[in-house]
Amino acid sequence: MLAATVKNPKSDRNLILLLRLGACLCFAGWTWVHFYWEGPYGVILWQDTTHALAESLGINWDAFVGTGADDGLVQKWIAWTWWLYLGCMVLTITVRGTSRIQMVALVGGGGLLTILAYARYLQAQRQFPMFLEHGGQILIPVLLVMALALGARHKVTVVTAIVALVATFAGHGFYALDLWPMPANFPAMTSVILGVEYETARGILRIAGILDFVVCLGVCIPAVRRSCALYAAIWGFLTAIARPVAGMSPDLNYWGADQFLHEAVLRAPHFLVPLYLFVLWRSRRDAETLASQPGSTPESGDVASMRSGDRGA
């Protein structure tokens, strides 16, 4: 049997809504990046192997990469990529549990995000945390498909959500603890928002990095996982909005919203995936508490499915 029986459709709809919102916002943010600027795929395509491939197809290098006026095959392809992300954003709204083709397309959207994360990893001189911290974004469309196909409480869905959370926060933690060179914007944003000196900001980030790894371990321990998921949701939200809070200014056109707001939007999975886990685990606790009370008669399917999910997660 692929999924446990669930007797709480309203709660499940709320869980799926969180995943749907996270996937929608993530694709919306990246749609804006590809529309307003361009995707970072040049680092993958502009190299010797693609040069050799272009020549084998009878295409000279200038025709392949362009002359700087968006006239090359690569530049034209990158310029139109935003349509793919826009299509995936629409799918997150329209997809249903019976929409097999749409679900397959959304999994393909996860593949798009994987390529994007790999390109950013190459741009960052192959720093592993850069790819790792994109785990939540890569997996959010897959999580939505799993929730629709298997169930929002299915153990495979829950485990995948835990993997997404751990990847994101471990990636942040590696940077915050300076295990890989800390990006300059980390302490800069912290310094601007909190009004502290640069070295103080780095100290705060190191503490946050320790807590990132505490969360990664804590979500695997039943006794503390709800608290860890709640902390992760709050911290994920704060780190997401830090970009527009630090960068936007009334002195800029549109207050700088066109340049910074998408940075928070595309990071929606960083706080909505932990929030999904918190709501899921809290509802399980409430149901089991109710079942343990004398005289209560909860539906056996509810408790059985929740306990089954607990064992899987």
C-alpha atoms as a PDB file:
ATOM      1  CA  MET A   1       0.000   0.000   0.000  1.00  0.00           C
ATOM      2  CA  LEU A   2       1.611   3.289  -1.151  1.00  0.00           C
ATOM      3  CA  ALA A   3      -0.040   5.698   1.218  1.00  0.00           C
ATOM      4  CA  ALA A   4      -1.519   5.502   4.662  1.00  0.00           C
ATOM      5  CA  THR A   5      -5.198   6.214   5.067  1.00  0.00           C
ATOM      6  CA  VAL A   6      -5.815   9.794   6.062  1.00  0.00           C
ATOM      7  CA  LYS A   7      -9.045  10.940   7.669  1.00  0.00           C
ATOM      8  CA  ASN A   8      -8.325  14.643   8.004  1.00  0.00           C
ATOM      9  CA  PRO A   9      -8.783  16.176   4.531  1.00  0.00           C
ATOM     10  CA  LYS A  10      -8.920  19.777   5.788  1.00  0.00           C
ATOM     11  CA  SER A  11      -5.540  19.496   7.510  1.00  0.00           C
ATOM     12  CA  ASP A  12      -4.071  17.786   4.447  1.00  0.00           C
ATOM     13  CA  ARG A  13      -5.334  20.578   2.206  1.00  0.00           C
ATOM     14  CA  ASN A  14      -3.528  23.088   4.411  1.00  0.00           C
ATOM     15  CA  LEU A  15      -0.302  21.085   4.203  1.00  0.00           C
ATOM     16  CA  ILE A  16      -0.541  20.864   0.418  1.00  0.00           C
ATOM     17  CA  LEU A  17      -1.318  24.589   0.292  1.00  0.00           C
ATOM     18  CA  LEU A  18       1.964  25.353   2.060  1.00  0.00           C
ATOM     19  CA  LEU A  19       3.903  23.271  -0.474  1.00  0.00           C
ATOM     20  CA  ARG A  20       1.934  24.738  -3.376  1.00  0.00           C
ATOM     21  CA  LEU A  21       2.649  28.276  -2.152  1.00  0.00           C
ATOM     22  CA  GLY A  22       6.330  27.529  -1.643  1.00  0.00           C
ATOM     23  CA  ALA A  23       6.721  26.085  -5.147  1.00  0.00           C
ATOM     24  CA  CYS A  24       4.716  28.913  -6.736  1.00  0.00           C
ATOM     25  CA  LEU A  25       6.742  31.663  -5.061  1.00  0.00           C
ATOM     26  CA  CYS A  26      10.038  29.936  -5.825  1.00  0.00           C
ATOM     27  CA  PHE A  27       9.264  29.717  -9.545  1.00  0.00           C
ATOM     28  CA  ALA A  28       7.846  33.261  -9.506  1.00  0.00           C
ATOM     29  CA  GLY A  29      11.080  34.630  -8.075  1.00  0.00           C
ATOM     30  CA  TRP A  30      13.247  32.803 -10.594  1.00  0.00           C
ATOM     31  CA  THR A  31      10.929  33.853 -13.420  1.00  0.00           C
ATOM     32  CA  TRP A  32      11.691  37.478 -12.524  1.00  0.00           C
ATOM     33  CA  VAL A  33      15.437  36.776 -12.406  1.00  0.00           C
ATOM     34  CA  HIS A  34      15.381  35.256 -15.901  1.00  0.00           C
ATOM     35  CA  PHE A  35      13.090  37.966 -17.280  1.00  0.00           C
ATOM     36  CA  TYR A  36      14.744  41.026 -15.716  1.00  0.00           C
ATOM     37  CA  TRP A  37      18.366  39.880 -15.997  1.00  0.00           C
ATOM     38  CA  GLU A  38      19.266  36.436 -17.344  1.00  0.00           C
ATOM     39  CA  GLY A  39      19.997  32.965 -16.073  1.00  0.00           C
ATOM     40  CA  PRO A  40      23.563  31.994 -15.093  1.00  0.00           C
ATOM     41  CA  TYR A  41      23.844  29.224 -17.690  1.00  0.00           C
ATOM     42  CA  GLY A  42      26.696  30.781 -19.639  1.00  0.00           C
ATOM     43  CA  VAL A  43      29.182  29.262 -17.206  1.00  0.00           C
ATOM     44  CA  ILE A  44      27.945  25.805 -18.293  1.00  0.00           C
ATOM     45  CA  LEU A  45      27.699  26.483 -22.028  1.00  0.00           C
ATOM     46  CA  TRP A  46      30.670  28.769 -22.737  1.00  0.00           C
ATOM     47  CA  GLN A  47      33.502  26.258 -22.478  1.00  0.00           C
ATOM     48  CA  ASP A  48      35.703  24.080 -24.670  1.00  0.00           C
ATOM     49  CA  THR A  49      33.369  21.084 -24.789  1.00  0.00           C
ATOM     50  CA  THR A  50      30.425  23.144 -26.074  1.00  0.00           C
ATOM     51  CA  HIS A  51      32.776  24.912 -28.508  1.00  0.00           C
ATOM     52  CA  ALA A  52      33.765  21.530 -29.927  1.00  0.00           C
ATOM     53  CA  LEU A  53      30.109  20.460 -30.083  1.00  0.00           C
ATOM     54  CA  ALA A  54      29.141  23.642 -31.949  1.00  0.00           C
ATOM     55  CA  GLU A  55      31.931  23.125 -34.471  1.00  0.00           C
ATOM     56  CA  SER A  56      30.920  19.484 -35.010  1.00  0.00           C
ATOM     57  CA  LEU A  57      27.425  20.741 -35.882  1.00  0.00           C
ATOM     58  CA  GLY A  58      28.843  23.224 -38.365  1.00  0.00           C
ATOM     59  CA  ILE A  59      28.153  26.290 -36.185  1.00  0.00           C
ATOM     60  CA  ASN A  60      30.946  28.783 -35.659  1.00  0.00           C
ATOM     61  CA  TRP A  61      31.626  30.100 -32.149  1.00  0.00           C
ATOM     62  CA  ASP A  62      30.317  33.618 -32.815  1.00  0.00           C
ATOM     63  CA  ALA A  63      27.002  32.251 -34.065  1.00  0.00           C
ATOM     64  CA  PHE A  64      26.809  29.945 -31.049  1.00  0.00           C
ATOM     65  CA  VAL A  65      27.500  32.394 -28.217  1.00  0.00           C
ATOM     66  CA  GLY A  66      26.738  35.662 -30.033  1.00  0.00           C
ATOM     67  CA  THR A  67      28.631  38.908 -30.486  1.00  0.00           C
ATOM     68  CA  GLY A  68      27.250  40.707 -27.433  1.00  0.00           C
ATOM     69  CA  ALA A  69      23.964  41.832 -29.014  1.00  0.00           C
ATOM     70  CA  ASP A  70      21.882  38.841 -27.839  1.00  0.00           C
ATOM     71  CA  ASP A  71      22.175  37.328 -31.310  1.00  0.00           C
ATOM     72  CA  GLY A  72      23.806  33.966 -30.514  1.00  0.00           C
ATOM     73  CA  LEU A  73      21.994  30.684 -30.028  1.00  0.00           C
ATOM     74  CA  VAL A  74      23.000  30.527 -26.363  1.00  0.00           C
ATOM     75  CA  GLN A  75      21.922  34.103 -25.672  1.00  0.00           C
ATOM     76  CA  LYS A  76      18.589  33.633 -27.421  1.00  0.00           C
ATOM     77  CA  TRP A  77      17.925  30.423 -25.519  1.00  0.00           C
ATOM     78  CA  ILE A  78      18.783  32.029 -22.173  1.00  0.00           C
ATOM     79  CA  ALA A  79      16.596  35.040 -23.003  1.00  0.00           C
ATOM     80  CA  TRP A  80      13.552  32.813 -23.448  1.00  0.00           C
ATOM     81  CA  THR A  81      14.161  30.574 -20.436  1.00  0.00           C
ATOM     82  CA  TRP A  82      11.898  32.703 -18.241  1.00  0.00           C
ATOM     83  CA  TRP A  83       8.895  31.261 -20.088  1.00  0.00           C
ATOM     84  CA  LEU A  84       9.758  27.808 -18.733  1.00  0.00           C
ATOM     85  CA  TYR A  85       9.802  29.117 -15.168  1.00  0.00           C
ATOM     86  CA  LEU A  86       6.565  31.016 -15.734  1.00  0.00           C
ATOM     87  CA  GLY A  87       4.957  27.825 -17.021  1.00  0.00           C
ATOM     88  CA  CYS A  88       6.127  25.930 -13.935  1.00  0.00           C
ATOM     89  CA  MET A  89       4.713  28.689 -11.718  1.00  0.00           C
ATOM     90  CA  VAL A  90       1.314  28.310 -13.382  1.00  0.00           C
ATOM     91  CA  LEU A  91       1.493  24.528 -12.966  1.00  0.00           C
ATOM     92  CA  THR A  92       1.974  24.849  -9.197  1.00  0.00           C
ATOM     93  CA  ILE A  93      -1.428  26.579  -9.081  1.00  0.00           C
ATOM     94  CA  THR A  94      -3.324  24.314 -11.466  1.00  0.00           C
ATOM     95  CA  VAL A  95      -1.853  20.873 -10.758  1.00  0.00           C
ATOM     96  CA  ARG A  96      -4.110  18.336  -9.044  1.00  0.00           C
ATOM     97  CA  GLY A  97      -3.664  14.760  -7.888  1.00  0.00           C
ATOM     98  CA  THR A  98      -5.150  13.418 -11.133  1.00  0.00           C
ATOM     99  CA  SER A  99      -3.036  15.646 -13.416  1.00  0.00           C
ATOM    100  CA  ARG A 100      -0.334  13.154 -14.350  1.00  0.00           C
ATOM    101  CA  ILE A 101       1.118  15.184 -17.213  1.00  0.00           C
ATOM    102  CA  GLN A 102       1.258  18.330 -15.083  1.00  0.00           C
ATOM    103  CA  MET A 103       2.949  16.450 -12.264  1.00  0.00           C
ATOM    104  CA  VAL A 104       5.590  15.093 -14.640  1.00  0.00           C
ATOM    105  CA  ALA A 105       6.146  18.632 -15.941  1.00  0.00           C
ATOM    106  CA  LEU A 106       6.595  19.905 -12.377  1.00  0.00           C
ATOM    107  CA  VAL A 107       9.208  17.248 -11.687  1.00  0.00           C
ATOM    108  CA  GLY A 108      10.896  18.576 -14.828  1.00  0.00           C
ATOM    109  CA  GLY A 109      10.732  22.009 -13.185  1.00  0.00           C
ATOM    110  CA  GLY A 110      12.744  20.533 -10.350  1.00  0.00           C
ATOM    111  CA  GLY A 111      15.273  19.483 -12.985  1.00  0.00           C
ATOM    112  CA  LEU A 112      15.425  23.087 -14.228  1.00  0.00           C
ATOM    113  CA  LEU A 113      16.167  24.258 -10.706  1.00  0.00           C
ATOM    114  CA  THR A 114      18.874  21.592 -10.400  1.00  0.00           C
ATOM    115  CA  ILE A 115      20.605  22.894 -13.541  1.00  0.00           C
ATOM    116  CA  LEU A 116      20.282  26.419 -12.171  1.00  0.00           C
ATOM    117  CA  ALA A 117      21.817  25.375  -8.846  1.00  0.00           C
ATOM    118  CA  TYR A 118      24.664  23.624 -10.668  1.00  0.00           C
ATOM    119  CA  ALA A 119      25.376  26.771 -12.696  1.00  0.00           C
ATOM    120  CA  ARG A 120      25.513  28.863  -9.526  1.00  0.00           C
ATOM    121  CA  TYR A 121      27.784  26.230  -7.985  1.00  0.00           C
ATOM    122  CA  LEU A 122      30.181  26.627 -10.933  1.00  0.00           C
ATOM    123  CA  GLN A 123      29.991  30.420 -10.643  1.00  0.00           C
ATOM    124  CA  ALA A 124      30.968  30.104  -6.975  1.00  0.00           C
ATOM    125  CA  GLN A 125      34.173  28.236  -7.934  1.00  0.00           C
ATOM    126  CA  ARG A 126      32.603  24.852  -7.147  1.00  0.00           C
ATOM    127  CA  GLN A 127      31.805  25.605  -3.512  1.00  0.00           C
ATOM    128  CA  PHE A 128      29.669  22.682  -2.330  1.00  0.00           C
ATOM    129  CA  PRO A 129      27.473  24.705   0.092  1.00  0.00           C
ATOM    130  CA  MET A 130      26.297  26.874  -2.823  1.00  0.00           C
ATOM    131  CA  PHE A 131      24.683  23.831  -4.442  1.00  0.00           C
ATOM    132  CA  LEU A 132      23.573  22.320  -1.146  1.00  0.00           C
ATOM    133  CA  GLU A 133      21.642  25.375   0.031  1.00  0.00           C
ATOM    134  CA  HIS A 134      19.486  25.167  -3.114  1.00  0.00           C
ATOM    135  CA  GLY A 135      18.170  21.793  -1.930  1.00  0.00           C
ATOM    136  CA  GLY A 136      14.897  23.214  -0.623  1.00  0.00           C
ATOM    137  CA  GLN A 137      14.245  25.049  -3.874  1.00  0.00           C
ATOM    138  CA  ILE A 138      15.120  22.041  -6.037  1.00  0.00           C
ATOM    139  CA  LEU A 139      12.883  19.708  -4.042  1.00  0.00           C
ATOM    140  CA  ILE A 140       9.839  21.952  -3.484  1.00  0.00           C
ATOM    141  CA  PRO A 141       8.099  21.060  -6.800  1.00  0.00           C
ATOM    142  CA  VAL A 142       8.910  17.389  -6.206  1.00  0.00           C
ATOM    143  CA  LEU A 143       7.450  17.667  -2.700  1.00  0.00           C
ATOM    144  CA  LEU A 144       4.247  19.140  -4.115  1.00  0.00           C
ATOM    145  CA  VAL A 145       3.950  16.262  -6.580  1.00  0.00           C
ATOM    146  CA  MET A 146       4.586  13.724  -3.808  1.00  0.00           C
ATOM    147  CA  ALA A 147       1.958  15.316  -1.568  1.00  0.00           C
ATOM    148  CA  LEU A 148      -0.604  15.154  -4.380  1.00  0.00           C
ATOM    149  CA  ALA A 149       0.273  11.644  -5.572  1.00  0.00           C
ATOM    150  CA  LEU A 150       1.096   9.883  -2.297  1.00  0.00           C
ATOM    151  CA  GLY A 151      -0.336  12.153   0.389  1.00  0.00           C
ATOM    152  CA  ALA A 152       0.892  15.092   2.432  1.00  0.00           C
ATOM    153  CA  ARG A 153       1.494  12.766   5.411  1.00  0.00           C
ATOM    154  CA  HIS A 154       3.106   9.891   3.533  1.00  0.00           C
ATOM    155  CA  LYS A 155       6.471   8.928   5.000  1.00  0.00           C
ATOM    156  CA  VAL A 156       8.261   9.397   1.651  1.00  0.00           C
ATOM    157  CA  THR A 157       6.897  12.944   1.410  1.00  0.00           C
ATOM    158  CA  VAL A 158       7.901  13.721   4.984  1.00  0.00           C
ATOM    159  CA  VAL A 159      11.416  12.289   4.605  1.00  0.00           C
ATOM    160  CA  THR A 160      11.920  14.252   1.388  1.00  0.00           C
ATOM    161  CA  ALA A 161      10.834  17.438   3.193  1.00  0.00           C
ATOM    162  CA  ILE A 162      13.362  16.718   5.963  1.00  0.00           C
ATOM    163  CA  VAL A 163      16.097  16.251   3.338  1.00  0.00           C
ATOM    164  CA  ALA A 164      15.123  19.586   1.752  1.00  0.00           C
ATOM    165  CA  LEU A 165      15.289  21.358   5.121  1.00  0.00           C
ATOM    166  CA  VAL A 166      18.608  19.786   6.110  1.00  0.00           C
ATOM    167  CA  ALA A 167      20.204  20.608   2.757  1.00  0.00           C
ATOM    168  CA  THR A 168      19.187  24.264   2.926  1.00  0.00           C
ATOM    169  CA  PHE A 169      20.241  24.842   6.523  1.00  0.00           C
ATOM    170  CA  ALA A 170      23.454  22.823   6.240  1.00  0.00           C
ATOM    171  CA  GLY A 171      24.433  24.912   3.210  1.00  0.00           C
ATOM    172  CA  HIS A 172      23.798  28.090   5.215  1.00  0.00           C
ATOM    173  CA  GLY A 173      25.645  26.653   8.192  1.00  0.00           C
ATOM    174  CA  PHE A 174      28.797  25.782   6.245  1.00  0.00           C
ATOM    175  CA  TYR A 175      29.052  29.388   5.100  1.00  0.00           C
ATOM    176  CA  ALA A 176      28.038  30.975   8.409  1.00  0.00           C
ATOM    177  CA  LEU A 177      30.671  28.990  10.295  1.00  0.00           C
ATOM    178  CA  ASP A 178      33.308  29.939   7.711  1.00  0.00           C
ATOM    179  CA  LEU A 179      33.930  26.277   6.859  1.00  0.00           C
ATOM    180  CA  TRP A 180      33.771  27.632   3.318  1.00  0.00           C
ATOM    181  CA  PRO A 181      34.623  31.305   2.725  1.00  0.00           C
ATOM    182  CA  MET A 182      31.693  33.328   4.055  1.00  0.00           C
ATOM    183  CA  PRO A 183      30.027  35.380   1.269  1.00  0.00           C
ATOM    184  CA  ALA A 184      30.633  39.085   1.840  1.00  0.00           C
ATOM    185  CA  ASN A 185      26.914  39.865   1.674  1.00  0.00           C
ATOM    186  CA  PHE A 186      26.206  37.737   4.773  1.00  0.00           C
ATOM    187  CA  PRO A 187      27.928  39.995   7.330  1.00  0.00           C
ATOM    188  CA  ALA A 188      27.135  43.079   5.231  1.00  0.00           C
ATOM    189  CA  MET A 189      23.370  42.447   5.432  1.00  0.00           C
ATOM    190  CA  THR A 190      23.589  41.595   9.121  1.00  0.00           C
ATOM    191  CA  SER A 191      25.566  44.763   9.825  1.00  0.00           C
ATOM    192  CA  VAL A 192      23.105  46.986   7.929  1.00  0.00           C
ATOM    193  CA  ILE A 193      19.963  45.462   9.435  1.00  0.00           C
ATOM    194  CA  LEU A 194      21.155  45.219  13.041  1.00  0.00           C
ATOM    195  CA  GLY A 195      23.384  48.307  13.009  1.00  0.00           C
ATOM    196  CA  VAL A 196      26.427  46.458  14.357  1.00  0.00           C
ATOM    197  CA  GLU A 197      30.095  46.409  13.394  1.00  0.00           C
ATOM    198  CA  TYR A 198      31.388  43.995  10.771  1.00  0.00           C
ATOM    199  CA  GLU A 199      33.172  41.687  13.229  1.00  0.00           C
ATOM    200  CA  THR A 200      30.123  41.616  15.506  1.00  0.00           C
ATOM    201  CA  ALA A 201      28.007  40.635  12.517  1.00  0.00           C
ATOM    202  CA  ARG A 202      30.378  37.756  11.737  1.00  0.00           C
ATOM    203  CA  GLY A 203      30.123  36.582  15.358  1.00  0.00           C
ATOM    204  CA  ILE A 204      26.325  36.615  15.173  1.00  0.00           C
ATOM    205  CA  LEU A 205      26.463  34.613  11.953  1.00  0.00           C
ATOM    206  CA  ARG A 206      28.720  32.006  13.533  1.00  0.00           C
ATOM    207  CA  ILE A 207      26.164  31.493  16.301  1.00  0.00           C
ATOM    208  CA  ALA A 208      23.451  31.217  13.654  1.00  0.00           C
ATOM    209  CA  GLY A 209      25.599  28.662  11.826  1.00  0.00           C
ATOM    210  CA  ILE A 210      25.816  26.493  14.940  1.00  0.00           C
ATOM    211  CA  LEU A 211      22.040  26.678  15.305  1.00  0.00           C
ATOM    212  CA  ASP A 212      21.659  25.707  11.629  1.00  0.00           C
ATOM    213  CA  PHE A 213      23.379  22.388  12.337  1.00  0.00           C
ATOM    214  CA  VAL A 214      21.439  21.951  15.592  1.00  0.00           C
ATOM    215  CA  VAL A 215      18.260  22.207  13.509  1.00  0.00           C
ATOM    216  CA  CYS A 216      19.592  19.678  10.982  1.00  0.00           C
ATOM    217  CA  LEU A 217      20.056  17.157  13.792  1.00  0.00           C
ATOM    218  CA  GLY A 218      17.002  18.168  15.798  1.00  0.00           C
ATOM    219  CA  VAL A 219      14.451  17.539  13.028  1.00  0.00           C
ATOM    220  CA  CYS A 220      15.475  13.877  13.163  1.00  0.00           C
ATOM    221  CA  ILE A 221      14.743  13.595  16.919  1.00  0.00           C
ATOM    222  CA  PRO A 222      11.015  13.201  17.702  1.00  0.00           C
ATOM    223  CA  ALA A 223      11.230  14.919  21.090  1.00  0.00           C
ATOM    224  CA  VAL A 224      12.516  18.225  19.671  1.00  0.00           C
ATOM    225  CA  ARG A 225      11.698  18.159  15.978  1.00  0.00           C
ATOM    226  CA  ARG A 226       8.604  20.401  16.250  1.00  0.00           C
ATOM    227  CA  SER A 227      10.579  23.126  18.006  1.00  0.00           C
ATOM    228  CA  CYS A 228      13.400  22.808  15.489  1.00  0.00           C
ATOM    229  CA  ALA A 229      10.993  23.019  12.554  1.00  0.00           C
ATOM    230  CA  LEU A 230       9.376  26.140  14.032  1.00  0.00           C
ATOM    231  CA  TYR A 231      12.770  27.783  14.574  1.00  0.00           C
ATOM    232  CA  ALA A 232      13.763  26.845  10.996  1.00  0.00           C
ATOM    233  CA  ALA A 233      10.567  28.414   9.623  1.00  0.00           C
ATOM    234  CA  ILE A 234      11.180  31.667  11.508  1.00  0.00           C
ATOM    235  CA  TRP A 235      14.892  31.844  10.711  1.00  0.00           C
ATOM    236  CA  GLY A 236      14.276  30.880   7.072  1.00  0.00           C
ATOM    237  CA  PHE A 237      11.769  33.723   6.764  1.00  0.00           C
ATOM    238  CA  LEU A 238      14.122  36.236   8.395  1.00  0.00           C
ATOM    239  CA  THR A 239      17.065  35.289   6.166  1.00  0.00           C
ATOM    240  CA  ALA A 240      14.830  35.489   3.084  1.00  0.00           C
ATOM    241  CA  ILE A 241      13.513  38.984   3.807  1.00  0.00           C
ATOM    242  CA  ALA A 242      16.986  40.175   4.857  1.00  0.00           C
ATOM    243  CA  ARG A 243      17.839  40.754   1.184  1.00  0.00           C
ATOM    244  CA  PRO A 244      15.101  43.315   0.429  1.00  0.00           C
ATOM    245  CA  VAL A 245      15.296  44.814   3.951  1.00  0.00           C
ATOM    246  CA  ALA A 246      19.022  45.488   3.560  1.00  0.00           C
ATOM    247  CA  GLY A 247      18.932  46.463  -0.115  1.00  0.00           C
ATOM    248  CA  MET A 248      15.712  48.415  -0.679  1.00  0.00           C
ATOM    249  CA  SER A 249      15.739  52.195  -0.222  1.00  0.00           C
ATOM    250  CA  PRO A 250      13.342  55.093  -0.936  1.00  0.00           C
ATOM    251  CA  ASP A 251      16.171  56.625  -2.975  1.00  0.00           C
ATOM    252  CA  LEU A 252      15.909  53.867  -5.600  1.00  0.00           C
ATOM    253  CA  ASN A 253      13.355  53.511  -8.372  1.00  0.00           C
ATOM    254  CA  TYR A 254      10.400  51.474  -7.084  1.00  0.00           C
ATOM    255  CA  TRP A 255      12.248  51.508  -3.718  1.00  0.00           C
ATOM    256  CA  GLY A 256      14.542  48.917  -5.275  1.00  0.00           C
ATOM    257  CA  ALA A 257      11.782  46.299  -5.237  1.00  0.00           C
ATOM    258  CA  ASP A 258      12.618  45.267  -8.808  1.00  0.00           C
ATOM    259  CA  GLN A 259      16.178  44.470  -7.726  1.00  0.00           C
ATOM    260  CA  PHE A 260      15.714  42.907  -4.287  1.00  0.00           C
ATOM    261  CA  LEU A 261      12.150  41.700  -3.624  1.00  0.00           C
ATOM    262  CA  HIS A 262      12.520  38.569  -5.743  1.00  0.00           C
ATOM    263  CA  GLU A 263      15.430  37.489  -3.504  1.00  0.00           C
ATOM    264  CA  ALA A 264      12.923  36.898  -0.710  1.00  0.00           C
ATOM    265  CA  VAL A 265      10.238  35.429  -2.978  1.00  0.00           C
ATOM    266  CA  LEU A 266      12.399  32.705  -4.527  1.00  0.00           C
ATOM    267  CA  ARG A 267      13.560  31.666  -1.038  1.00  0.00           C
ATOM    268  CA  ALA A 268      10.003  30.875   0.089  1.00  0.00           C
ATOM    269  CA  PRO A 269      10.814  27.115   0.363  1.00  0.00           C
ATOM    270  CA  HIS A 270      13.412  27.979   3.031  1.00  0.00           C
ATOM    271  CA  PHE A 271      10.612  28.797   5.484  1.00  0.00           C
ATOM    272  CA  LEU A 272       7.531  27.090   4.023  1.00  0.00           C
ATOM    273  CA  VAL A 273       9.052  23.589   4.005  1.00  0.00           C
ATOM    274  CA  PRO A 274       9.912  23.838   7.751  1.00  0.00           C
ATOM    275  CA  LEU A 275       6.451  25.325   8.376  1.00  0.00           C
ATOM    276  CA  TYR A 276       4.896  22.353   6.558  1.00  0.00           C
ATOM    277  CA  LEU A 277       6.801  19.979   8.853  1.00  0.00           C
ATOM    278  CA  PHE A 278       5.865  21.950  11.960  1.00  0.00           C
ATOM    279  CA  VAL A 279       2.148  21.928  11.097  1.00  0.00           C
ATOM    280  CA  LEU A 280       2.318  18.240  10.201  1.00  0.00           C
ATOM    281  CA  TRP A 281       4.041  17.203  13.425  1.00  0.00           C
ATOM    282  CA  ARG A 282       1.877  19.473  15.565  1.00  0.00           C
ATOM    283  CA  SER A 283      -1.329  17.974  14.145  1.00  0.00           C
ATOM    284  CA  ARG A 284       0.019  14.488  14.852  1.00  0.00           C
ATOM    285  CA  ARG A 285       0.788  15.439  18.448  1.00  0.00           C
ATOM    286  CA  ASP A 286      -2.670  16.940  18.926  1.00  0.00           C
ATOM    287  CA  ALA A 287      -4.360  13.850  17.496  1.00  0.00           C
ATOM    288  CA  GLU A 288      -2.353  11.495  19.674  1.00  0.00           C
ATOM    289  CA  THR A 289      -3.038  13.633  22.756  1.00  0.00           C
ATOM    290  CA  LEU A 290      -6.747  13.495  22.003  1.00  0.00           C
ATOM    291  CA  ALA A 291      -6.594   9.734  21.487  1.00  0.00           C
ATOM    292  CA  SER A 292      -4.936   9.266  24.894  1.00  0.00           C
ATOM    293  CA  GLN A 293      -7.673  11.119  26.766  1.00  0.00           C
ATOM    294  CA  PRO A 294     -10.253   8.948  28.597  1.00  0.00           C
ATOM    295  CA  GLY A 295     -13.584   8.808  26.842  1.00  0.00           C
ATOM    296  CA  SER A 296     -12.289  10.083  23.517  1.00  0.00           C
ATOM    297  CA  THR A 297     -13.196   8.122  20.386  1.00  0.00           C
ATOM    298  CA  PRO A 298     -10.934   9.300  17.576  1.00  0.00           C
ATOM    299  CA  GLU A 299     -11.198   7.537  14.261  1.00  0.00           C
ATOM    300  CA  SER A 300      -8.735   4.702  14.298  1.00  0.00           C
ATOM    301  CA  GLY A 301      -7.570   5.480  10.768  1.00  0.00           C
ATOM    302  CA  ASP A 302      -6.340   8.911  11.839  1.00  0.00           C
ATOM    303  CA  VAL A 303      -4.150   7.665  14.648  1.00  0.00           C
ATOM    304  CA  ALA A 304      -2.908   4.675  12.679  1.00  0.00           C
ATOM    305  CA  SER A 305      -1.891   6.803   9.714  1.00  0.00           C
ATOM    306  CA  MET A 306      -0.140   9.349  11.910  1.00  0.00           C
ATOM    307  CA  ARG A 307       1.787   6.730  13.833  1.00  0.00           C
ATOM    308  CA  SER A 308       2.707   5.065  10.553  1.00  0.00           C
ATOM    309  CA  GLY A 309       4.020   8.386   9.306  1.00  0.00           C
ATOM    310  CA  ASP A 310       5.942   8.942  12.537  1.00  0.00           C
ATOM    311  CA  ARG A 311       7.746   5.653  12.093  1.00  0.00           C
ATOM    312  CA  GLY A 312       8.649   6.538   8.531  1.00  0.00           C
ATOM    313  CA  ALA A 313       9.870  10.024   9.379  1.00  0.00           C
END
